[in-house]
């Protein structure tokens, strides 16, 4: 399984819209084949910081996700609202 963690920092004036867009993107993503988890969190101590945890069955599912129009749409909208975006990928070594 492939785990992706994304750490977004957004402009303070964009927090509400970014959160709404990100939740919609999560709903679309978790419906994709091979996407087991797509969770969104917002930091308690910094409302401008959002985290995404994604788990995919394999590399093909990650590739499929990367080709979806909903991802392109989200990135297009999210980019001008974002101050930074850090992505980490890993293979799951424990858990089911």
Protein backbone atom coordinates (compact mmCIF):
# COMPACT_ATOMS: atom_id res chain seq x y z
CA UNK A 1 0.00 0.00 0.00
CA UNK A 2 1.09 3.54 -0.76
CA UNK A 3 0.69 6.34 1.79
CA UNK A 4 0.71 9.99 0.77
CA UNK A 5 0.86 12.82 3.29
CA UNK A 6 0.31 16.41 2.14
CA UNK A 7 0.87 19.45 4.34
CA UNK A 8 -0.75 22.64 3.04
CA UNK A 9 -0.39 26.15 4.43
CA UNK A 10 -2.93 28.57 3.04
CA UNK A 11 -3.50 32.30 3.08
CA UNK A 12 -5.55 33.33 6.14
CA UNK A 13 -8.25 34.90 4.00
CA UNK A 14 -8.67 31.63 2.09
CA UNK A 15 -9.08 29.18 4.98
CA UNK A 16 -12.84 28.66 4.65
CA UNK A 17 -12.91 28.30 0.86
CA UNK A 18 -9.82 26.09 0.84
CA UNK A 19 -11.34 23.81 3.47
CA UNK A 20 -14.59 23.52 1.51
CA UNK A 21 -12.74 22.72 -1.74
CA UNK A 22 -10.47 20.21 0.00
CA UNK A 23 -13.40 18.35 1.55
CA UNK A 24 -15.07 18.10 -1.88
CA UNK A 25 -11.80 16.84 -3.37
CA UNK A 26 -11.53 14.24 -0.60
CA UNK A 27 -15.07 13.00 -1.30
CA UNK A 28 -14.25 12.60 -5.01
CA UNK A 29 -10.92 10.93 -4.31
CA UNK A 30 -12.11 8.32 -1.84
CA UNK A 31 -14.65 7.16 -4.45
CA UNK A 32 -11.81 6.25 -6.85
CA UNK A 33 -10.84 2.60 -7.30
CA UNK A 34 -7.86 1.74 -5.12
CA UNK A 35 -8.21 4.72 -2.79
CA UNK A 36 -8.68 3.24 0.67
CA UNK A 37 -8.38 6.44 2.71
CA UNK A 38 -8.46 10.14 1.97
CA UNK A 39 -8.64 12.02 5.26
CA UNK A 40 -8.39 15.76 5.80
CA UNK A 41 -7.41 17.49 9.04
CA UNK A 42 -6.94 21.10 10.08
CA UNK A 43 -4.36 21.98 12.72
CA UNK A 44 -5.75 22.96 16.12
CA UNK A 45 -3.09 25.59 16.67
CA UNK A 46 -3.00 27.05 13.14
CA UNK A 47 -6.21 27.29 11.09
CA UNK A 48 -4.17 27.96 7.94
CA UNK A 49 -2.58 24.51 8.06
CA UNK A 50 -4.30 21.49 6.50
CA UNK A 51 -3.13 17.88 6.35
CA UNK A 52 -4.18 15.13 3.95
CA UNK A 53 -3.58 11.41 4.53
CA UNK A 54 -4.18 9.19 1.53
CA UNK A 55 -3.76 5.42 1.31
CA UNK A 56 -3.85 3.61 -2.04
CA UNK A 57 -3.74 -0.10 -2.77
CA UNK A 58 -0.82 0.19 -5.21
CA UNK A 59 1.10 2.37 -7.65
CA UNK A 60 -1.61 1.96 -10.29
CA UNK A 61 -4.21 3.49 -7.97
CA UNK A 62 -1.89 6.43 -7.27
CA UNK A 63 -1.36 6.87 -11.01
CA UNK A 64 -5.12 6.74 -11.62
CA UNK A 65 -5.68 9.41 -8.95
CA UNK A 66 -3.05 11.62 -10.56
CA UNK A 67 -4.90 11.48 -13.89
CA UNK A 68 -8.30 12.50 -12.56
CA UNK A 69 -9.85 15.78 -13.69
CA UNK A 70 -11.01 16.41 -10.11
CA UNK A 71 -7.37 16.52 -8.95
CA UNK A 72 -6.41 18.93 -11.72
CA UNK A 73 -9.41 21.10 -10.84
CA UNK A 74 -8.52 21.09 -7.13
CA UNK A 75 -4.89 22.00 -7.78
CA UNK A 76 -5.90 24.82 -10.11
CA UNK A 77 -8.14 26.33 -7.44
CA UNK A 78 -5.86 25.54 -4.48
CA UNK A 79 -2.63 26.93 -5.89
CA UNK A 80 -3.49 30.65 -5.61
CA UNK A 81 -4.82 30.08 -2.07
CA UNK A 82 -1.72 28.21 -0.91
CA UNK A 83 1.44 29.51 0.70
CA UNK A 84 3.14 26.10 0.62
CA UNK A 85 2.51 22.45 -0.18
CA UNK A 86 4.74 19.60 1.00
CA UNK A 87 4.15 16.03 -0.17
CA UNK A 88 5.61 12.83 1.30
CA UNK A 89 5.11 9.33 -0.10
CA UNK A 90 5.85 6.03 1.61
CA UNK A 91 5.06 2.33 1.50
CA UNK A 92 2.93 1.10 4.41
CA UNK A 93 4.98 -1.29 6.54
CA UNK A 94 2.49 -2.00 9.34
CA UNK A 95 -1.26 -2.14 9.70
CA UNK A 96 -3.85 -3.59 7.39
